[in-house]
């Protein structure tokens, strides 16, 4: 069996209140490793969305640093209760120049998504609190068994875990609410009333 290298093992939960969850984390001994910061992410693909068709992701992220990320399906995903993806990341110096390189390689910006993120470490997990334009989420990443134990400790219901990524969730919302846009920005959602909880059962589809 191949070694489990460069793998991301994670689950997400939709929550109503990040402040109370933050208090639970601190009471459990979590350490704040990245204070709340604004993120801008851009998904790149070919003109015909060749990566998306293979469930792959090429992303350029800007927060306090610039990170280029590639994600792809993993054979280990089928044997897990979490979401497992191959993930390779590299830090680069300049967002715009990296975007120019991607353009020269035949990749173009396809979709933008924003969030505010705050990150903690607890039980060898990375736990992030995400404020998305369409809802509040907590994401646990690390060893699967530790994820399950920590989720229970934080009163997160395992049966309500979400295995979709944020762009897949956006696709669900676009279809359900007939949204006229694809970019997940705070401006796009400013005057729109939506409830992700209303379509949450659909989010169990890990596509």
C-alpha atoms as a PDB file:
ATOM      1  CA  UNK A   1       0.000   0.000   0.000  1.00  0.00           C
ATOM      2  CA  UNK A   2       1.429   3.451  -0.890  1.00  0.00           C
ATOM      3  CA  UNK A   3       2.618   5.653   1.948  1.00  0.00           C
ATOM      4  CA  UNK A   4       0.205   8.315   3.126  1.00  0.00           C
ATOM      5  CA  UNK A   5       2.276  11.332   2.116  1.00  0.00           C
ATOM      6  CA  UNK A   6       1.066  14.849   1.399  1.00  0.00           C
ATOM      7  CA  UNK A   7      -2.446  14.029   2.546  1.00  0.00           C
ATOM      8  CA  UNK A   8      -5.031  16.368   4.023  1.00  0.00           C
ATOM      9  CA  UNK A   9      -7.454  14.633   6.419  1.00  0.00           C
ATOM     10  CA  UNK A  10     -10.268  16.895   7.563  1.00  0.00           C
ATOM     11  CA  UNK A  11     -13.926  17.413   8.339  1.00  0.00           C
ATOM     12  CA  UNK A  12     -16.041  20.551   8.611  1.00  0.00           C
ATOM     13  CA  UNK A  13     -19.057  21.438  10.717  1.00  0.00           C
ATOM     14  CA  UNK A  14     -21.578  24.218  10.233  1.00  0.00           C
ATOM     15  CA  UNK A  15     -21.932  26.188  13.477  1.00  0.00           C
ATOM     16  CA  UNK A  16     -24.145  29.016  14.643  1.00  0.00           C
ATOM     17  CA  UNK A  17     -21.706  30.797  16.958  1.00  0.00           C
ATOM     18  CA  UNK A  18     -17.926  30.913  16.623  1.00  0.00           C
ATOM     19  CA  UNK A  19     -17.411  32.826  19.879  1.00  0.00           C
ATOM     20  CA  UNK A  20     -18.804  30.060  22.074  1.00  0.00           C
ATOM     21  CA  UNK A  21     -16.775  27.497  20.148  1.00  0.00           C
ATOM     22  CA  UNK A  22     -13.681  29.629  20.650  1.00  0.00           C
ATOM     23  CA  UNK A  23     -14.336  29.602  24.400  1.00  0.00           C
ATOM     24  CA  UNK A  24     -14.616  25.802  24.316  1.00  0.00           C
ATOM     25  CA  UNK A  25     -11.325  25.554  22.456  1.00  0.00           C
ATOM     26  CA  UNK A  26      -9.497  27.733  24.946  1.00  0.00           C
ATOM     27  CA  UNK A  27     -10.997  25.852  27.897  1.00  0.00           C
ATOM     28  CA  UNK A  28      -9.778  22.609  26.302  1.00  0.00           C
ATOM     29  CA  UNK A  29      -6.246  24.002  26.101  1.00  0.00           C
ATOM     30  CA  UNK A  30      -6.134  25.038  22.446  1.00  0.00           C
ATOM     31  CA  UNK A  31      -3.380  27.437  21.409  1.00  0.00           C
ATOM     32  CA  UNK A  32      -4.076  30.316  19.022  1.00  0.00           C
ATOM     33  CA  UNK A  33      -1.553  30.019  16.185  1.00  0.00           C
ATOM     34  CA  UNK A  34      -3.015  32.449  13.617  1.00  0.00           C
ATOM     35  CA  UNK A  35      -5.235  35.356  14.674  1.00  0.00           C
ATOM     36  CA  UNK A  36      -8.294  36.168  12.576  1.00  0.00           C
ATOM     37  CA  UNK A  37      -7.229  37.223   9.092  1.00  0.00           C
ATOM     38  CA  UNK A  38      -8.906  37.922   5.763  1.00  0.00           C
ATOM     39  CA  UNK A  39      -8.205  35.419   2.974  1.00  0.00           C
ATOM     40  CA  UNK A  40      -8.587  35.784  -0.762  1.00  0.00           C
ATOM     41  CA  UNK A  41      -8.473  32.558  -2.762  1.00  0.00           C
ATOM     42  CA  UNK A  42      -8.508  32.167  -6.537  1.00  0.00           C
ATOM     43  CA  UNK A  43      -9.121  28.847  -8.267  1.00  0.00           C
ATOM     44  CA  UNK A  44      -7.241  28.390 -11.534  1.00  0.00           C
ATOM     45  CA  UNK A  45      -8.052  25.957 -14.317  1.00  0.00           C
ATOM     46  CA  UNK A  46      -7.761  25.467 -18.052  1.00  0.00           C
ATOM     47  CA  UNK A  47     -10.256  27.063 -20.409  1.00  0.00           C
ATOM     48  CA  UNK A  48     -12.206  23.787 -20.459  1.00  0.00           C
ATOM     49  CA  UNK A  49     -11.952  23.191 -16.682  1.00  0.00           C
ATOM     50  CA  UNK A  50      -9.795  20.096 -17.099  1.00  0.00           C
ATOM     51  CA  UNK A  51      -8.791  20.100 -13.420  1.00  0.00           C
ATOM     52  CA  UNK A  52     -12.339  20.480 -12.132  1.00  0.00           C
ATOM     53  CA  UNK A  53     -13.485  17.537 -14.262  1.00  0.00           C
ATOM     54  CA  UNK A  54     -10.877  15.378 -12.498  1.00  0.00           C
ATOM     55  CA  UNK A  55     -11.833  16.782  -9.055  1.00  0.00           C
ATOM     56  CA  UNK A  56      -8.479  18.542  -8.818  1.00  0.00           C
ATOM     57  CA  UNK A  57      -7.837  22.022  -7.478  1.00  0.00           C
ATOM     58  CA  UNK A  58      -5.143  24.579  -8.269  1.00  0.00           C
ATOM     59  CA  UNK A  59      -5.477  27.501  -5.878  1.00  0.00           C
ATOM     60  CA  UNK A  60      -3.608  30.701  -5.136  1.00  0.00           C
ATOM     61  CA  UNK A  61      -4.262  32.089  -1.652  1.00  0.00           C
ATOM     62  CA  UNK A  62      -3.411  35.480  -0.159  1.00  0.00           C
ATOM     63  CA  UNK A  63      -3.595  36.174   3.573  1.00  0.00           C
ATOM     64  CA  UNK A  64      -0.481  37.111   5.546  1.00  0.00           C
ATOM     65  CA  UNK A  65       1.440  35.053   2.969  1.00  0.00           C
ATOM     66  CA  UNK A  66       0.922  33.797  -0.568  1.00  0.00           C
ATOM     67  CA  UNK A  67       0.406  30.037  -0.923  1.00  0.00           C
ATOM     68  CA  UNK A  68       0.038  27.990  -4.102  1.00  0.00           C
ATOM     69  CA  UNK A  69      -1.899  24.759  -3.471  1.00  0.00           C
ATOM     70  CA  UNK A  70      -2.657  21.692  -5.547  1.00  0.00           C
ATOM     71  CA  UNK A  71      -5.265  19.169  -4.370  1.00  0.00           C
ATOM     72  CA  UNK A  72      -6.379  15.888  -5.923  1.00  0.00           C
ATOM     73  CA  UNK A  73      -8.459  12.850  -4.989  1.00  0.00           C
ATOM     74  CA  UNK A  74      -6.815  10.221  -2.777  1.00  0.00           C
ATOM     75  CA  UNK A  75      -7.342   6.465  -2.891  1.00  0.00           C
ATOM     76  CA  UNK A  76      -7.520   6.520   0.916  1.00  0.00           C
ATOM     77  CA  UNK A  77     -10.695   8.631   0.856  1.00  0.00           C
ATOM     78  CA  UNK A  78     -12.987   5.648   0.310  1.00  0.00           C
ATOM     79  CA  UNK A  79     -11.851   3.952   3.531  1.00  0.00           C
ATOM     80  CA  UNK A  80     -12.287   7.008   5.730  1.00  0.00           C
ATOM     81  CA  UNK A  81     -15.104   8.779   7.558  1.00  0.00           C
ATOM     82  CA  UNK A  82     -13.232  12.037   6.999  1.00  0.00           C
ATOM     83  CA  UNK A  83     -12.335  13.787   3.758  1.00  0.00           C
ATOM     84  CA  UNK A  84      -8.884  12.759   2.525  1.00  0.00           C
ATOM     85  CA  UNK A  85      -7.215  14.574  -0.342  1.00  0.00           C
ATOM     86  CA  UNK A  86      -3.724  14.757  -1.732  1.00  0.00           C
ATOM     87  CA  UNK A  87      -2.391  18.224  -0.944  1.00  0.00           C
ATOM     88  CA  UNK A  88       0.840  19.904  -2.041  1.00  0.00           C
ATOM     89  CA  UNK A  89       1.561  23.490  -1.018  1.00  0.00           C
ATOM     90  CA  UNK A  90       4.374  25.934  -1.625  1.00  0.00           C
ATOM     91  CA  UNK A  91       4.866  29.470  -0.388  1.00  0.00           C
ATOM     92  CA  UNK A  92       5.582  32.101  -3.030  1.00  0.00           C
ATOM     93  CA  UNK A  93       6.558  35.747  -2.769  1.00  0.00           C
ATOM     94  CA  UNK A  94       4.187  37.553  -5.111  1.00  0.00           C
ATOM     95  CA  UNK A  95       0.505  36.790  -5.798  1.00  0.00           C
ATOM     96  CA  UNK A  96       0.254  38.721  -9.068  1.00  0.00           C
ATOM     97  CA  UNK A  97       3.477  37.368 -10.558  1.00  0.00           C
ATOM     98  CA  UNK A  98       2.517  33.818  -9.631  1.00  0.00           C
ATOM     99  CA  UNK A  99      -0.829  34.391 -11.338  1.00  0.00           C
ATOM    100  CA  UNK A 100       1.083  35.554 -14.435  1.00  0.00           C
ATOM    101  CA  UNK A 101       3.137  32.344 -14.417  1.00  0.00           C
ATOM    102  CA  UNK A 102      -0.026  30.248 -14.162  1.00  0.00           C
ATOM    103  CA  UNK A 103      -1.493  32.192 -17.079  1.00  0.00           C
ATOM    104  CA  UNK A 104       1.573  31.456 -19.189  1.00  0.00           C
ATOM    105  CA  UNK A 105       1.164  27.758 -18.361  1.00  0.00           C
ATOM    106  CA  UNK A 106      -2.411  27.790 -19.656  1.00  0.00           C
ATOM    107  CA  UNK A 107      -4.309  28.277 -16.404  1.00  0.00           C
ATOM    108  CA  UNK A 108      -6.776  31.115 -15.925  1.00  0.00           C
ATOM    109  CA  UNK A 109      -8.633  32.446 -12.861  1.00  0.00           C
ATOM    110  CA  UNK A 110     -12.004  30.733 -12.665  1.00  0.00           C
ATOM    111  CA  UNK A 111     -13.480  31.446  -9.251  1.00  0.00           C
ATOM    112  CA  UNK A 112     -12.734  33.662  -6.268  1.00  0.00           C
ATOM    113  CA  UNK A 113     -13.700  32.879  -2.697  1.00  0.00           C
ATOM    114  CA  UNK A 114     -13.165  34.857   0.475  1.00  0.00           C
ATOM    115  CA  UNK A 115     -13.185  34.080   4.150  1.00  0.00           C
ATOM    116  CA  UNK A 116     -11.995  35.238   7.545  1.00  0.00           C
ATOM    117  CA  UNK A 117     -10.017  32.514   9.301  1.00  0.00           C
ATOM    118  CA  UNK A 118      -8.644  32.007  12.807  1.00  0.00           C
ATOM    119  CA  UNK A 119      -6.474  28.951  13.556  1.00  0.00           C
ATOM    120  CA  UNK A 120      -5.761  26.935  16.696  1.00  0.00           C
ATOM    121  CA  UNK A 121      -3.753  23.840  17.629  1.00  0.00           C
ATOM    122  CA  UNK A 122      -5.282  21.231  19.935  1.00  0.00           C
ATOM    123  CA  UNK A 123      -4.432  17.534  20.352  1.00  0.00           C
ATOM    124  CA  UNK A 124      -2.034  17.708  17.367  1.00  0.00           C
ATOM    125  CA  UNK A 125      -4.887  18.975  15.206  1.00  0.00           C
ATOM    126  CA  UNK A 126      -5.206  22.205  13.325  1.00  0.00           C
ATOM    127  CA  UNK A 127      -8.638  23.652  14.094  1.00  0.00           C
ATOM    128  CA  UNK A 128      -9.769  26.649  12.097  1.00  0.00           C
ATOM    129  CA  UNK A 129     -12.777  28.893  12.576  1.00  0.00           C
ATOM    130  CA  UNK A 130     -14.006  30.125   9.212  1.00  0.00           C
ATOM    131  CA  UNK A 131     -16.364  32.992   8.483  1.00  0.00           C
ATOM    132  CA  UNK A 132     -17.607  32.356   4.960  1.00  0.00           C
ATOM    133  CA  UNK A 133     -19.947  34.706   3.092  1.00  0.00           C
ATOM    134  CA  UNK A 134     -22.663  32.034   3.403  1.00  0.00           C
ATOM    135  CA  UNK A 135     -22.069  30.732   6.941  1.00  0.00           C
ATOM    136  CA  UNK A 136     -19.823  29.925   9.889  1.00  0.00           C
ATOM    137  CA  UNK A 137     -17.765  26.748   9.965  1.00  0.00           C
ATOM    138  CA  UNK A 138     -15.175  24.924  12.036  1.00  0.00           C
ATOM    139  CA  UNK A 139     -12.672  22.658  10.316  1.00  0.00           C
ATOM    140  CA  UNK A 140     -10.590  19.977  12.051  1.00  0.00           C
ATOM    141  CA  UNK A 141      -7.519  18.615  10.291  1.00  0.00           C
ATOM    142  CA  UNK A 142      -5.111  15.880  11.381  1.00  0.00           C
ATOM    143  CA  UNK A 143      -5.364  12.251  12.491  1.00  0.00           C
ATOM    144  CA  UNK A 144      -8.856  10.886  11.843  1.00  0.00           C
ATOM    145  CA  UNK A 145      -9.365   9.221  15.215  1.00  0.00           C
ATOM    146  CA  UNK A 146      -8.182  12.356  17.014  1.00  0.00           C
ATOM    147  CA  UNK A 147     -10.535  14.420  14.878  1.00  0.00           C
ATOM    148  CA  UNK A 148     -13.479  12.257  15.987  1.00  0.00           C
ATOM    149  CA  UNK A 149     -12.504  12.408  19.666  1.00  0.00           C
ATOM    150  CA  UNK A 150     -11.944  16.168  19.583  1.00  0.00           C
ATOM    151  CA  UNK A 151     -15.188  16.801  17.709  1.00  0.00           C
ATOM    152  CA  UNK A 152     -17.063  14.953  20.438  1.00  0.00           C
ATOM    153  CA  UNK A 153     -15.251  16.970  23.104  1.00  0.00           C
ATOM    154  CA  UNK A 154     -16.336  20.171  21.362  1.00  0.00           C
ATOM    155  CA  UNK A 155     -19.969  18.940  21.183  1.00  0.00           C
ATOM    156  CA  UNK A 156     -19.840  18.683  17.399  1.00  0.00           C
ATOM    157  CA  UNK A 157     -22.169  15.958  16.112  1.00  0.00           C
ATOM    158  CA  UNK A 158     -20.179  13.517  13.972  1.00  0.00           C
ATOM    159  CA  UNK A 159     -23.225  12.634  11.904  1.00  0.00           C
ATOM    160  CA  UNK A 160     -23.485  16.277  10.858  1.00  0.00           C
ATOM    161  CA  UNK A 161     -19.924  16.541   9.558  1.00  0.00           C
ATOM    162  CA  UNK A 162     -19.458  18.016   6.103  1.00  0.00           C
ATOM    163  CA  UNK A 163     -17.101  16.372   3.638  1.00  0.00           C
ATOM    164  CA  UNK A 164     -17.534  18.865   0.811  1.00  0.00           C
ATOM    165  CA  UNK A 165     -15.133  21.724   0.250  1.00  0.00           C
ATOM    166  CA  UNK A 166     -16.272  25.344   0.229  1.00  0.00           C
ATOM    167  CA  UNK A 167     -16.523  25.552  -3.556  1.00  0.00           C
ATOM    168  CA  UNK A 168     -18.646  22.394  -3.706  1.00  0.00           C
ATOM    169  CA  UNK A 169     -20.883  23.923  -1.028  1.00  0.00           C
ATOM    170  CA  UNK A 170     -21.173  27.022  -3.188  1.00  0.00           C
ATOM    171  CA  UNK A 171     -22.297  24.835  -6.076  1.00  0.00           C
ATOM    172  CA  UNK A 172     -25.074  23.451  -3.877  1.00  0.00           C
ATOM    173  CA  UNK A 173     -26.206  26.967  -2.984  1.00  0.00           C
ATOM    174  CA  UNK A 174     -26.095  28.141  -6.601  1.00  0.00           C
ATOM    175  CA  UNK A 175     -28.326  25.239  -7.642  1.00  0.00           C
ATOM    176  CA  UNK A 176     -30.726  25.540  -4.689  1.00  0.00           C
ATOM    177  CA  UNK A 177     -31.144  29.325  -4.698  1.00  0.00           C
ATOM    178  CA  UNK A 178     -30.507  29.899  -8.418  1.00  0.00           C
ATOM    179  CA  UNK A 179     -27.759  32.361  -7.603  1.00  0.00           C
ATOM    180  CA  UNK A 180     -26.568  34.422 -10.591  1.00  0.00           C
ATOM    181  CA  UNK A 181     -22.888  34.328  -9.570  1.00  0.00           C
ATOM    182  CA  UNK A 182     -20.140  31.829  -8.776  1.00  0.00           C
ATOM    183  CA  UNK A 183     -17.658  33.916  -6.784  1.00  0.00           C
ATOM    184  CA  UNK A 184     -17.932  33.438  -3.019  1.00  0.00           C
ATOM    185  CA  UNK A 185     -17.401  37.030  -1.911  1.00  0.00           C
ATOM    186  CA  UNK A 186     -18.870  39.003   0.956  1.00  0.00           C
ATOM    187  CA  UNK A 187     -20.035  41.632  -1.516  1.00  0.00           C
ATOM    188  CA  UNK A 188     -22.007  39.082  -3.559  1.00  0.00           C
ATOM    189  CA  UNK A 189     -23.799  37.796  -0.462  1.00  0.00           C
ATOM    190  CA  UNK A 190     -24.314  41.184   1.176  1.00  0.00           C
ATOM    191  CA  UNK A 191     -28.011  41.592   0.304  1.00  0.00           C
ATOM    192  CA  UNK A 192     -28.922  37.913  -0.061  1.00  0.00           C
ATOM    193  CA  UNK A 193     -30.666  35.917   2.638  1.00  0.00           C
ATOM    194  CA  UNK A 194     -29.726  32.255   2.422  1.00  0.00           C
ATOM    195  CA  UNK A 195     -29.583  29.409   4.899  1.00  0.00           C
ATOM    196  CA  UNK A 196     -26.904  26.814   4.323  1.00  0.00           C
ATOM    197  CA  UNK A 197     -28.518  24.767   7.078  1.00  0.00           C
ATOM    198  CA  UNK A 198     -31.542  24.411   4.803  1.00  0.00           C
ATOM    199  CA  UNK A 199     -29.466  22.464   2.271  1.00  0.00           C
ATOM    200  CA  UNK A 200     -27.021  20.869   4.725  1.00  0.00           C
ATOM    201  CA  UNK A 201     -28.118  17.243   4.046  1.00  0.00           C
ATOM    202  CA  UNK A 202     -26.932  17.737   0.467  1.00  0.00           C
ATOM    203  CA  UNK A 203     -23.496  18.736   1.692  1.00  0.00           C
ATOM    204  CA  UNK A 204     -22.744  15.162   2.758  1.00  0.00           C
ATOM    205  CA  UNK A 205     -21.991  14.456  -0.888  1.00  0.00           C
ATOM    206  CA  UNK A 206     -18.156  14.661  -1.023  1.00  0.00           C
ATOM    207  CA  UNK A 207     -18.070  15.587  -4.702  1.00  0.00           C
END
